[in-house]
Amino acid sequence: MLRNVVMVKLKPEHDPVWAAEMRAKFAALDCPGTVSYTIGPDAGLREGNWTYAIVADFTDVAAYQGYDQDAEHNRLRAELAPMVEQISRVQFEI
């Protein structure tokens, strides 16, 4: 199984309502081989944290690659991109 972890820091001028709508759109993705998909905003417990994170588990590398190349996923990425200040990703076997 493969885990994908993404942390997103949005630009300070982002609209929180828009950000919540974007998280809902990402959460609605239904790509084959997705075992679990969790997305949520930072709890605000520490100064300087990132805006939100995604933790997604896939059956295997091929399922992750399908998600990574999915047309709707890439459309959402493009919609999000103008408001992204930083993004960090890592994938690892679990």
Protein backbone atom coordinates (compact mmCIF):
# COMPACT_ATOMS: atom_id res chain seq x y z
CA MET A 1 0.00 0.00 0.00
CA LEU A 2 1.17 3.55 -0.71
CA ARG A 3 0.49 6.66 1.39
CA ASN A 4 0.46 10.15 -0.14
CA VAL A 5 0.79 13.14 2.20
CA VAL A 6 0.30 16.67 0.86
CA MET A 7 0.58 19.91 2.81
CA VAL A 8 -0.71 23.11 1.25
CA LYS A 9 -0.01 26.67 2.34
CA LEU A 10 -2.40 29.08 0.68
CA LYS A 11 -1.60 32.73 0.05
CA PRO A 12 -2.67 35.06 2.89
CA GLU A 13 -5.32 36.66 0.69
CA HIS A 14 -7.19 33.39 0.03
CA ASP A 15 -10.91 33.28 0.76
CA PRO A 16 -11.59 30.73 3.55
CA VAL A 17 -14.99 29.86 2.05
CA TRP A 18 -13.37 29.15 -1.32
CA ALA A 19 -10.70 27.04 0.42
CA ALA A 20 -13.39 24.96 2.16
CA GLU A 21 -15.16 24.46 -1.18
CA MET A 22 -11.89 23.32 -2.76
CA ARG A 23 -11.29 20.82 0.06
CA ALA A 24 -14.79 19.42 -0.52
CA LYS A 25 -14.08 19.03 -4.24
CA PHE A 26 -10.84 17.16 -3.54
CA ALA A 27 -12.61 14.97 -0.95
CA ALA A 28 -15.23 14.05 -3.57
CA LEU A 29 -12.64 12.53 -5.92
CA ASP A 30 -13.32 8.83 -6.37
CA CYS A 31 -10.28 7.37 -8.07
CA PRO A 32 -9.89 3.59 -8.40
CA GLY A 33 -7.58 2.05 -5.82
CA THR A 34 -8.13 4.77 -3.21
CA VAL A 35 -8.35 3.06 0.19
CA SER A 36 -8.78 6.20 2.29
CA TYR A 37 -8.69 9.93 1.66
CA THR A 38 -8.59 12.46 4.49
CA ILE A 39 -8.37 16.20 3.96
CA GLY A 40 -8.69 18.89 6.58
CA PRO A 41 -7.76 22.42 7.57
CA ASP A 42 -5.06 23.20 10.09
CA ALA A 43 -6.41 23.23 13.66
CA GLY A 44 -4.63 26.53 14.36
CA LEU A 45 -2.75 25.24 17.39
CA ARG A 46 0.62 26.67 16.36
CA GLU A 47 1.71 29.82 14.56
CA GLY A 48 3.06 29.33 11.04
CA ASN A 49 1.37 26.03 10.20
CA TRP A 50 0.26 25.17 6.70
CA THR A 51 -3.35 25.79 5.62
CA TYR A 52 -4.48 22.18 5.17
CA ALA A 53 -3.26 18.64 4.61
CA ILE A 54 -4.28 15.57 2.65
CA VAL A 55 -3.45 12.01 3.67
CA ALA A 56 -4.47 9.43 1.09
CA ASP A 57 -3.81 5.71 0.96
CA PHE A 58 -3.77 3.75 -2.29
CA THR A 59 -3.69 0.02 -2.94
CA ASP A 60 -0.41 0.31 -4.84
CA VAL A 61 1.84 2.60 -6.87
CA ALA A 62 -0.31 2.14 -9.99
CA ALA A 63 -3.41 3.36 -8.11
CA TYR A 64 -1.50 6.42 -6.88
CA GLN A 65 -0.29 7.13 -10.41
CA GLY A 66 -3.87 6.87 -11.68
CA TYR A 67 -4.94 9.43 -9.06
CA ASP A 68 -1.99 11.67 -9.91
CA GLN A 69 -2.93 11.61 -13.61
CA ASP A 70 -6.73 11.75 -13.13
CA ALA A 71 -8.31 14.49 -15.29
CA GLU A 72 -10.61 15.83 -12.54
CA HIS A 73 -7.76 15.82 -10.01
CA ASN A 74 -5.60 17.82 -12.41
CA ARG A 75 -8.46 20.24 -13.12
CA LEU A 76 -8.77 20.86 -9.36
CA ARG A 77 -5.01 21.34 -9.08
CA ALA A 78 -5.17 23.99 -11.80
CA GLU A 79 -8.07 25.73 -10.04
CA LEU A 80 -6.15 25.73 -6.75
CA ALA A 81 -2.76 26.76 -8.16
CA PRO A 82 -3.24 30.57 -8.28
CA MET A 83 -3.81 30.67 -4.50
CA VAL A 84 -0.98 28.28 -3.50
CA GLU A 85 1.99 29.83 -1.75
CA GLN A 86 3.74 26.50 -1.07
CA ILE A 87 3.01 22.82 -1.47
CA SER A 88 4.85 19.82 -0.09
CA ARG A 89 4.31 16.17 -1.03
CA VAL A 90 5.68 12.80 -0.03
CA GLN A 91 4.72 9.24 -0.95
CA PHE A 92 5.83 6.17 1.00
CA GLU A 93 5.02 2.48 1.34
CA ILE A 94 2.96 1.43 4.34
